[in-house]
C-alpha atoms as a PDB file:
ATOM      1  CA  MET A   1       0.000   0.000   0.000  1.00  0.00           C
ATOM      2  CA  GLU A   2       1.218   3.507  -0.838  1.00  0.00           C
ATOM      3  CA  SER A   3       2.671   5.154   2.276  1.00  0.00           C
ATOM      4  CA  ARG A   4       2.274   8.717   1.060  1.00  0.00           C
ATOM      5  CA  PRO A   5      -1.078  10.483   1.396  1.00  0.00           C
ATOM      6  CA  ILE A   6      -3.199  10.177  -1.750  1.00  0.00           C
ATOM      7  CA  THR A   7      -4.692  13.474  -2.926  1.00  0.00           C
ATOM      8  CA  LEU A   8      -7.264  13.554  -5.716  1.00  0.00           C
ATOM      9  CA  LEU A   9      -7.910  16.884  -7.424  1.00  0.00           C
ATOM     10  CA  THR A  10     -10.460  17.848 -10.076  1.00  0.00           C
ATOM     11  CA  GLY A  11     -10.031  20.801 -12.400  1.00  0.00           C
ATOM     12  CA  ALA A  12      -6.334  20.838 -11.545  1.00  0.00           C
ATOM     13  CA  GLY A  13      -4.956  21.542 -15.015  1.00  0.00           C
ATOM     14  CA  SER A  14      -4.610  25.285 -14.396  1.00  0.00           C
ATOM     15  CA  GLY A  15      -5.298  28.154 -12.022  1.00  0.00           C
ATOM     16  CA  ILE A  16      -6.376  27.432  -8.464  1.00  0.00           C
ATOM     17  CA  GLY A  17      -6.431  23.649  -8.958  1.00  0.00           C
ATOM     18  CA  ARG A  18      -2.875  23.705 -10.268  1.00  0.00           C
ATOM     19  CA  GLY A  19      -1.833  25.642  -7.181  1.00  0.00           C
ATOM     20  CA  PHE A  20      -3.491  23.116  -4.881  1.00  0.00           C
ATOM     21  CA  ALA A  21      -1.782  20.240  -6.704  1.00  0.00           C
ATOM     22  CA  LEU A  22       1.664  21.789  -6.333  1.00  0.00           C
ATOM     23  CA  ALA A  23       1.009  22.620  -2.677  1.00  0.00           C
ATOM     24  CA  MET A  24      -0.076  19.071  -1.857  1.00  0.00           C
ATOM     25  CA  ALA A  25       2.914  17.635  -3.690  1.00  0.00           C
ATOM     26  CA  GLN A  26       5.178  19.857  -1.582  1.00  0.00           C
ATOM     27  CA  LEU A  27       3.710  18.153   1.490  1.00  0.00           C
ATOM     28  CA  GLY A  28       4.951  14.832   0.098  1.00  0.00           C
ATOM     29  CA  ASN A  29       1.574  13.631  -1.149  1.00  0.00           C
ATOM     30  CA  ARG A  30       0.995  11.606  -4.283  1.00  0.00           C
ATOM     31  CA  VAL A  31      -1.270  13.863  -6.319  1.00  0.00           C
ATOM     32  CA  ILE A  32      -3.791  12.601  -8.856  1.00  0.00           C
ATOM     33  CA  ILE A  33      -4.317  15.543 -11.189  1.00  0.00           C
ATOM     34  CA  THR A  34      -7.514  15.411 -13.205  1.00  0.00           C
ATOM     35  CA  ASP A  35      -8.880  17.855 -15.726  1.00  0.00           C
ATOM     36  CA  ILE A  36     -11.225  17.737 -18.687  1.00  0.00           C
ATOM     37  CA  ASP A  37      -8.195  18.762 -20.777  1.00  0.00           C
ATOM     38  CA  GLN A  38      -5.665  15.925 -20.751  1.00  0.00           C
ATOM     39  CA  SER A  39      -2.743  18.068 -21.900  1.00  0.00           C
ATOM     40  CA  SER A  40      -3.306  20.563 -19.071  1.00  0.00           C
ATOM     41  CA  ALA A  41      -3.363  17.779 -16.493  1.00  0.00           C
ATOM     42  CA  GLU A  42      -0.167  16.318 -17.941  1.00  0.00           C
ATOM     43  CA  SER A  43       1.530  19.708 -17.870  1.00  0.00           C
ATOM     44  CA  VAL A  44       0.840  20.166 -14.158  1.00  0.00           C
ATOM     45  CA  ALA A  45       1.886  16.581 -13.413  1.00  0.00           C
ATOM     46  CA  ALA A  46       5.149  17.264 -15.211  1.00  0.00           C
ATOM     47  CA  GLU A  47       5.715  20.328 -13.019  1.00  0.00           C
ATOM     48  CA  VAL A  48       5.194  18.225  -9.917  1.00  0.00           C
ATOM     49  CA  ILE A  49       7.577  15.540 -11.105  1.00  0.00           C
ATOM     50  CA  VAL A  50      10.288  18.042 -12.093  1.00  0.00           C
ATOM     51  CA  ALA A  51      10.021  19.476  -8.572  1.00  0.00           C
ATOM     52  CA  GLY A  52      10.613  16.005  -7.144  1.00  0.00           C
ATOM     53  CA  GLY A  53       7.016  15.104  -6.336  1.00  0.00           C
ATOM     54  CA  LEU A  54       4.792  12.185  -7.294  1.00  0.00           C
ATOM     55  CA  ALA A  55       1.940  12.809  -9.723  1.00  0.00           C
ATOM     56  CA  GLN A  56      -0.406  11.182 -12.173  1.00  0.00           C
ATOM     57  CA  ALA A  57      -2.475  12.952 -14.830  1.00  0.00           C
ATOM     58  CA  ARG A  58      -5.955  11.782 -15.787  1.00  0.00           C
ATOM     59  CA  GLN A  59      -8.458  13.163 -18.273  1.00  0.00           C
ATOM     60  CA  PHE A  60     -11.734  13.425 -16.398  1.00  0.00           C
ATOM     61  CA  ASP A  61     -15.124  15.029 -16.986  1.00  0.00           C
ATOM     62  CA  VAL A  62     -16.741  15.596 -13.581  1.00  0.00           C
ATOM     63  CA  THR A  63     -20.229  15.363 -15.072  1.00  0.00           C
ATOM     64  CA  ASP A  64     -19.627  11.742 -16.169  1.00  0.00           C
ATOM     65  CA  GLY A  65     -20.837   9.588 -13.288  1.00  0.00           C
ATOM     66  CA  GLU A  66     -19.489   6.327 -14.679  1.00  0.00           C
ATOM     67  CA  ALA A  67     -16.076   7.872 -15.258  1.00  0.00           C
ATOM     68  CA  ALA A  68     -16.109   9.183 -11.693  1.00  0.00           C
ATOM     69  CA  ARG A  69     -16.926   5.740 -10.352  1.00  0.00           C
ATOM     70  CA  GLY A  70     -14.130   4.178 -12.366  1.00  0.00           C
ATOM     71  CA  LEU A  71     -11.629   6.833 -11.285  1.00  0.00           C
ATOM     72  CA  VAL A  72     -12.320   6.414  -7.591  1.00  0.00           C
ATOM     73  CA  GLN A  73     -12.451   2.618  -7.695  1.00  0.00           C
ATOM     74  CA  GLY A  74      -9.218   2.508  -9.652  1.00  0.00           C
ATOM     75  CA  LEU A  75      -7.418   4.628  -7.050  1.00  0.00           C
ATOM     76  CA  VAL A  76      -8.770   2.542  -4.183  1.00  0.00           C
ATOM     77  CA  ASP A  77      -7.767  -0.671  -5.927  1.00  0.00           C
ATOM     78  CA  ARG A  78      -4.258   0.621  -6.488  1.00  0.00           C
ATOM     79  CA  TYR A  79      -3.534   2.567  -3.303  1.00  0.00           C
ATOM     80  CA  GLY A  80      -6.070   1.257  -0.813  1.00  0.00           C
ATOM     81  CA  ARG A  81      -7.413   4.665   0.136  1.00  0.00           C
ATOM     82  CA  ILE A  82      -7.940   8.307  -0.778  1.00  0.00           C
ATOM     83  CA  ASP A  83      -6.827  10.765   1.894  1.00  0.00           C
ATOM     84  CA  HIS A  84      -7.815  14.104   0.401  1.00  0.00           C
ATOM     85  CA  LEU A  85     -10.258  15.293  -2.237  1.00  0.00           C
ATOM     86  CA  PHE A  86     -10.151  18.757  -3.774  1.00  0.00           C
ATOM     87  CA  ALA A  87     -13.419  19.214  -5.692  1.00  0.00           C
ATOM     88  CA  ASN A  88     -12.186  22.199  -7.633  1.00  0.00           C
ATOM     89  CA  ALA A  89     -13.527  21.864 -11.193  1.00  0.00           C
ATOM     90  CA  GLY A  90     -15.721  24.762 -12.229  1.00  0.00           C
ATOM     91  CA  VAL A  91     -16.956  26.817 -15.166  1.00  0.00           C
ATOM     92  CA  LEU A  92     -18.023  30.456 -15.313  1.00  0.00           C
ATOM     93  CA  GLY A  93     -20.833  30.512 -17.864  1.00  0.00           C
ATOM     94  CA  PRO A  94     -22.418  33.577 -19.502  1.00  0.00           C
ATOM     95  CA  THR A  95     -21.777  37.016 -18.062  1.00  0.00           C
ATOM     96  CA  ASP A  96     -24.915  38.816 -19.259  1.00  0.00           C
ATOM     97  CA  PHE A  97     -28.271  37.657 -17.871  1.00  0.00           C
ATOM     98  CA  TRP A  98     -29.999  38.215 -21.219  1.00  0.00           C
ATOM     99  CA  GLU A  99     -27.549  35.904 -22.989  1.00  0.00           C
ATOM    100  CA  ILE A 100     -28.224  32.891 -20.754  1.00  0.00           C
ATOM    101  CA  ARG A 101     -29.750  29.923 -22.610  1.00  0.00           C
ATOM    102  CA  PRO A 102     -31.403  26.907 -20.959  1.00  0.00           C
ATOM    103  CA  GLU A 103     -28.385  24.799 -21.848  1.00  0.00           C
ATOM    104  CA  ASP A 104     -26.111  27.263 -20.033  1.00  0.00           C
ATOM    105  CA  TRP A 105     -27.897  26.587 -16.768  1.00  0.00           C
ATOM    106  CA  ALA A 106     -27.447  22.863 -17.309  1.00  0.00           C
ATOM    107  CA  ALA A 107     -23.772  23.285 -18.141  1.00  0.00           C
ATOM    108  CA  VAL A 108     -22.853  25.530 -15.206  1.00  0.00           C
ATOM    109  CA  LEU A 109     -24.900  23.731 -12.565  1.00  0.00           C
ATOM    110  CA  GLY A 110     -23.860  20.380 -14.036  1.00  0.00           C
ATOM    111  CA  VAL A 111     -20.167  21.034 -13.512  1.00  0.00           C
ATOM    112  CA  ASN A 112     -20.180  23.291 -10.464  1.00  0.00           C
ATOM    113  CA  ILE A 113     -22.798  21.512  -8.346  1.00  0.00           C
ATOM    114  CA  SER A 114     -23.590  18.073  -9.766  1.00  0.00           C
ATOM    115  CA  GLY A 115     -19.998  17.411 -10.765  1.00  0.00           C
ATOM    116  CA  ALA A 116     -18.754  18.263  -7.297  1.00  0.00           C
ATOM    117  CA  ALA A 117     -21.515  16.255  -5.604  1.00  0.00           C
ATOM    118  CA  ILE A 118     -20.876  13.145  -7.701  1.00  0.00           C
ATOM    119  CA  ILE A 119     -17.157  12.911  -6.942  1.00  0.00           C
ATOM    120  CA  CYS A 120     -17.681  13.901  -3.296  1.00  0.00           C
ATOM    121  CA  GLN A 121     -20.233  11.140  -2.738  1.00  0.00           C
ATOM    122  CA  LEU A 122     -17.961   8.481  -4.216  1.00  0.00           C
ATOM    123  CA  VAL A 123     -14.877   9.585  -2.307  1.00  0.00           C
ATOM    124  CA  ALA A 124     -16.883  10.098   0.878  1.00  0.00           C
ATOM    125  CA  ALA A 125     -18.036   6.484   0.709  1.00  0.00           C
ATOM    126  CA  GLN A 126     -14.402   5.372   0.730  1.00  0.00           C
ATOM    127  CA  MET A 127     -13.473   7.793   3.494  1.00  0.00           C
ATOM    128  CA  LYS A 128     -16.379   6.464   5.560  1.00  0.00           C
ATOM    129  CA  LYS A 129     -14.765   3.009   5.366  1.00  0.00           C
ATOM    130  CA  GLN A 130     -11.364   4.475   6.233  1.00  0.00           C
ATOM    131  CA  ARG A 131     -12.838   6.609   9.027  1.00  0.00           C
ATOM    132  CA  ARG A 132     -10.583   9.490   8.045  1.00  0.00           C
ATOM    133  CA  GLY A 133     -10.152  12.005   5.255  1.00  0.00           C
ATOM    134  CA  ARG A 134     -10.361  15.593   4.128  1.00  0.00           C
ATOM    135  CA  ILE A 135     -12.740  17.001   1.510  1.00  0.00           C
ATOM    136  CA  ILE A 136     -12.237  20.545   0.260  1.00  0.00           C
ATOM    137  CA  LEU A 137     -14.514  22.252  -2.238  1.00  0.00           C
ATOM    138  CA  THR A 138     -13.700  25.390  -4.168  1.00  0.00           C
ATOM    139  CA  ALA A 139     -16.615  27.772  -3.688  1.00  0.00           C
ATOM    140  CA  SER A 140     -16.518  31.569  -4.016  1.00  0.00           C
ATOM    141  CA  TYR A 141     -17.489  34.838  -2.374  1.00  0.00           C
ATOM    142  CA  ASN A 142     -19.872  35.054  -5.338  1.00  0.00           C
ATOM    143  CA  GLY A 143     -21.985  32.463  -3.550  1.00  0.00           C
ATOM    144  CA  VAL A 144     -23.161  35.178  -1.148  1.00  0.00           C
ATOM    145  CA  ARG A 145     -22.531  38.405  -3.040  1.00  0.00           C
ATOM    146  CA  VAL A 146     -25.410  39.628  -5.191  1.00  0.00           C
ATOM    147  CA  ASP A 147     -24.684  41.144  -8.604  1.00  0.00           C
ATOM    148  CA  LYS A 148     -26.167  41.174 -12.088  1.00  0.00           C
ATOM    149  CA  HIS A 149     -23.246  39.398 -13.766  1.00  0.00           C
ATOM    150  CA  VAL A 150     -22.502  35.617 -14.045  1.00  0.00           C
ATOM    151  CA  ILE A 151     -25.761  34.703 -12.327  1.00  0.00           C
ATOM    152  CA  PRO A 152     -25.662  30.925 -13.016  1.00  0.00           C
ATOM    153  CA  TYR A 153     -22.149  30.864 -11.564  1.00  0.00           C
ATOM    154  CA  ARG A 154     -23.268  32.715  -8.424  1.00  0.00           C
ATOM    155  CA  VAL A 155     -26.225  30.373  -7.983  1.00  0.00           C
ATOM    156  CA  SER A 156     -23.956  27.333  -8.372  1.00  0.00           C
ATOM    157  CA  LYS A 157     -21.487  28.588  -5.778  1.00  0.00           C
ATOM    158  CA  ALA A 158     -24.310  29.350  -3.350  1.00  0.00           C
ATOM    159  CA  GLY A 159     -25.396  25.745  -3.794  1.00  0.00           C
ATOM    160  CA  LEU A 160     -21.870  24.529  -3.033  1.00  0.00           C
ATOM    161  CA  LEU A 161     -21.862  26.438   0.251  1.00  0.00           C
ATOM    162  CA  MET A 162     -24.992  24.570   1.359  1.00  0.00           C
ATOM    163  CA  PHE A 163     -23.684  21.248   0.048  1.00  0.00           C
ATOM    164  CA  THR A 164     -20.506  21.710   2.083  1.00  0.00           C
ATOM    165  CA  LYS A 165     -22.456  22.110   5.320  1.00  0.00           C
ATOM    166  CA  CYS A 166     -24.736  19.154   4.602  1.00  0.00           C
ATOM    167  CA  LEU A 167     -21.909  16.812   3.651  1.00  0.00           C
ATOM    168  CA  ALA A 168     -19.947  17.887   6.728  1.00  0.00           C
ATOM    169  CA  LEU A 169     -22.792  16.661   8.935  1.00  0.00           C
ATOM    170  CA  VAL A 170     -23.002  13.369   7.061  1.00  0.00           C
ATOM    171  CA  MET A 171     -19.271  12.726   7.406  1.00  0.00           C
ATOM    172  CA  ALA A 172     -18.661  14.034  10.936  1.00  0.00           C
ATOM    173  CA  PRO A 173     -19.164  10.618  12.625  1.00  0.00           C
ATOM    174  CA  TYR A 174     -16.363   9.172  10.504  1.00  0.00           C
ATOM    175  CA  ASP A 175     -13.662  11.759  11.340  1.00  0.00           C
ATOM    176  CA  VAL A 176     -13.880  13.218   7.838  1.00  0.00           C
ATOM    177  CA  THR A 177     -13.891  16.992   7.554  1.00  0.00           C
ATOM    178  CA  VAL A 178     -15.595  18.880   4.737  1.00  0.00           C
ATOM    179  CA  ASN A 179     -14.857  22.545   4.105  1.00  0.00           C
ATOM    180  CA  ALA A 180     -15.115  25.088   1.320  1.00  0.00           C
ATOM    181  CA  ILE A 181     -12.415  27.540   0.336  1.00  0.00           C
ATOM    182  CA  CYS A 182     -13.875  30.759  -1.070  1.00  0.00           C
ATOM    183  CA  PRO A 183     -11.265  32.563  -3.157  1.00  0.00           C
ATOM    184  CA  GLY A 184     -11.448  36.280  -3.741  1.00  0.00           C
ATOM    185  CA  VAL A 185     -10.531  37.845  -7.071  1.00  0.00           C
ATOM    186  CA  THR A 186      -7.708  35.555  -8.180  1.00  0.00           C
ATOM    187  CA  LEU A 187      -6.085  36.119 -11.567  1.00  0.00           C
ATOM    188  CA  THR A 188      -6.374  32.602 -12.898  1.00  0.00           C
ATOM    189  CA  PRO A 189      -6.636  32.203 -16.694  1.00  0.00           C
ATOM    190  CA  LEU A 190     -10.431  31.917 -16.289  1.00  0.00           C
ATOM    191  CA  GLN A 191     -10.700  35.055 -14.164  1.00  0.00           C
ATOM    192  CA  GLN A 192      -8.334  37.026 -16.383  1.00  0.00           C
ATOM    193  CA  ALA A 193     -10.397  36.209 -19.481  1.00  0.00           C
ATOM    194  CA  TYR A 194     -13.564  37.297 -17.638  1.00  0.00           C
ATOM    195  CA  ALA A 195     -11.931  40.515 -16.480  1.00  0.00           C
ATOM    196  CA  GLN A 196     -10.606  41.261 -19.965  1.00  0.00           C
ATOM    197  CA  ALA A 197     -14.055  40.750 -21.488  1.00  0.00           C
ATOM    198  CA  LEU A 198     -15.656  43.176 -19.028  1.00  0.00           C
ATOM    199  CA  ALA A 199     -12.865  45.698 -19.555  1.00  0.00           C
ATOM    200  CA  ASP A 200     -13.318  45.477 -23.316  1.00  0.00           C
ATOM    201  CA  GLN A 201     -17.077  45.988 -22.968  1.00  0.00           C
ATOM    202  CA  ARG A 202     -16.436  49.189 -21.069  1.00  0.00           C
ATOM    203  CA  GLY A 203     -13.618  50.379 -23.298  1.00  0.00           C
ATOM    204  CA  ILE A 204     -11.020  50.481 -20.528  1.00  0.00           C
ATOM    205  CA  SER A 205      -7.734  48.702 -20.008  1.00  0.00           C
ATOM    206  CA  LEU A 206      -7.417  45.498 -18.004  1.00  0.00           C
ATOM    207  CA  ASP A 207      -5.180  47.310 -15.506  1.00  0.00           C
ATOM    208  CA  ASP A 208      -7.807  50.015 -14.986  1.00  0.00           C
ATOM    209  CA  TYR A 209     -10.493  47.382 -14.499  1.00  0.00           C
ATOM    210  CA  LEU A 210      -8.394  45.512 -11.936  1.00  0.00           C
ATOM    211  CA  ASP A 211      -7.664  48.765 -10.107  1.00  0.00           C
ATOM    212  CA  GLU A 212     -11.417  49.252  -9.818  1.00  0.00           C
ATOM    213  CA  ARG A 213     -11.793  45.740  -8.435  1.00  0.00           C
ATOM    214  CA  ARG A 214      -9.074  46.411  -5.862  1.00  0.00           C
ATOM    215  CA  SER A 215     -10.825  49.601  -4.793  1.00  0.00           C
ATOM    216  CA  VAL A 216     -13.863  47.672  -3.522  1.00  0.00           C
ATOM    217  CA  ILE A 217     -11.838  45.021  -1.685  1.00  0.00           C
ATOM    218  CA  PRO A 218     -11.602  46.106   1.968  1.00  0.00           C
ATOM    219  CA  MET A 219      -7.914  45.143   2.163  1.00  0.00           C
ATOM    220  CA  GLY A 220      -7.211  46.485  -1.324  1.00  0.00           C
ATOM    221  CA  GLU A 221      -5.430  43.409  -2.678  1.00  0.00           C
ATOM    222  CA  LEU A 222      -6.265  40.590  -5.071  1.00  0.00           C
ATOM    223  CA  THR A 223      -6.015  37.004  -3.857  1.00  0.00           C
ATOM    224  CA  THR A 224      -3.062  34.886  -4.974  1.00  0.00           C
ATOM    225  CA  THR A 225      -2.822  31.126  -5.314  1.00  0.00           C
ATOM    226  CA  ALA A 226      -0.191  31.238  -2.555  1.00  0.00           C
ATOM    227  CA  ASP A 227      -2.847  32.679  -0.216  1.00  0.00           C
ATOM    228  CA  LEU A 228      -5.218  29.840  -1.091  1.00  0.00           C
ATOM    229  CA  ASN A 229      -2.536  27.183  -0.783  1.00  0.00           C
ATOM    230  CA  ALA A 230      -1.698  28.268   2.752  1.00  0.00           C
ATOM    231  CA  LEU A 231      -5.292  27.615   3.818  1.00  0.00           C
ATOM    232  CA  ALA A 232      -5.413  24.312   1.930  1.00  0.00           C
ATOM    233  CA  ARG A 233      -2.299  23.050   3.690  1.00  0.00           C
ATOM    234  CA  PHE A 234      -3.826  23.916   7.051  1.00  0.00           C
ATOM    235  CA  LEU A 235      -7.181  22.278   6.310  1.00  0.00           C
ATOM    236  CA  VAL A 236      -5.577  18.932   5.433  1.00  0.00           C
ATOM    237  CA  SER A 237      -3.384  19.009   8.541  1.00  0.00           C
ATOM    238  CA  ASP A 238      -4.058  17.364  11.892  1.00  0.00           C
ATOM    239  CA  GLU A 239      -4.360  20.817  13.449  1.00  0.00           C
ATOM    240  CA  ALA A 240      -7.637  21.289  11.518  1.00  0.00           C
ATOM    241  CA  ARG A 241      -9.192  18.027  12.724  1.00  0.00           C
ATOM    242  CA  LEU A 242     -12.236  19.741  14.296  1.00  0.00           C
ATOM    243  CA  ILE A 243     -12.827  22.318  11.570  1.00  0.00           C
ATOM    244  CA  THR A 244     -15.682  21.147   9.390  1.00  0.00           C
ATOM    245  CA  GLY A 245     -18.706  22.547   7.605  1.00  0.00           C
ATOM    246  CA  GLN A 246     -16.987  25.889   7.167  1.00  0.00           C
ATOM    247  CA  SER A 247     -16.807  28.204   4.168  1.00  0.00           C
ATOM    248  CA  ILE A 248     -13.599  30.138   4.602  1.00  0.00           C
ATOM    249  CA  ALA A 249     -12.974  33.187   2.438  1.00  0.00           C
ATOM    250  CA  VAL A 250      -9.494  34.226   1.358  1.00  0.00           C
ATOM    251  CA  ASP A 251     -10.657  37.455  -0.229  1.00  0.00           C
ATOM    252  CA  GLY A 252      -9.422  40.482   1.672  1.00  0.00           C
ATOM    253  CA  GLY A 253     -12.804  41.012   3.300  1.00  0.00           C
ATOM    254  CA  VAL A 254     -15.106  40.882   0.264  1.00  0.00           C
ATOM    255  CA  MET A 255     -17.414  38.197   1.631  1.00  0.00           C
ATOM    256  CA  ALA A 256     -17.613  39.906   5.003  1.00  0.00           C
ATOM    257  CA  SER A 257     -18.684  43.130   3.284  1.00  0.00           C
ATOM    258  CA  SER A 258     -21.343  41.437   1.114  1.00  0.00           C
END
């Protein structure tokens, strides 16, 4: 049986998921990096390996229940357990309310809520047998902050906040903690593309747009992946053994001001 902790990550081919994968590898974990884009997953796995860590890359669509079942069973068969799950995969969806189509709701909620719930249920079943584990979901301050943009995304993240609390209660008797990390404005490739689109709509530069975003953050700074990784490392540690059902924002005070 593998002696290193086994960490499974979804949506880890770039951005926040990539940061989590590198952070967990630095702890000495074997990281299973999944993403809907195989080449992105392989790129992050290569980074981990070059840095001296252990990694595997898997192409994985979180909305595919059978694929999820096969992924989890395969890891259990090979390693005997799964110690950590980062349910990180997510999509943004349309920005403008009037552009939302019925299929957009299905796509955003399918990935951000159903996709997370499917993999969490499967991994939780294994952690229940183990009577230990850590589950971390990537939510967002947008789950509580009202605005007229990216409404399906906001609704999906609000759903994840509730799912986190419910799953935490289910798993508490088995010494499994379940928490959500709520990033602030973090310049991942997804966020940068969103910011650029809004800046272009308004005819301003990306830098000017980001300065505006900073101006409404109580602490005046954007979130970095290093900020998020610090919390992730704590939540998987023994020191966080009684922290569960929490949605913790790393956002410079945005959620608190919402």
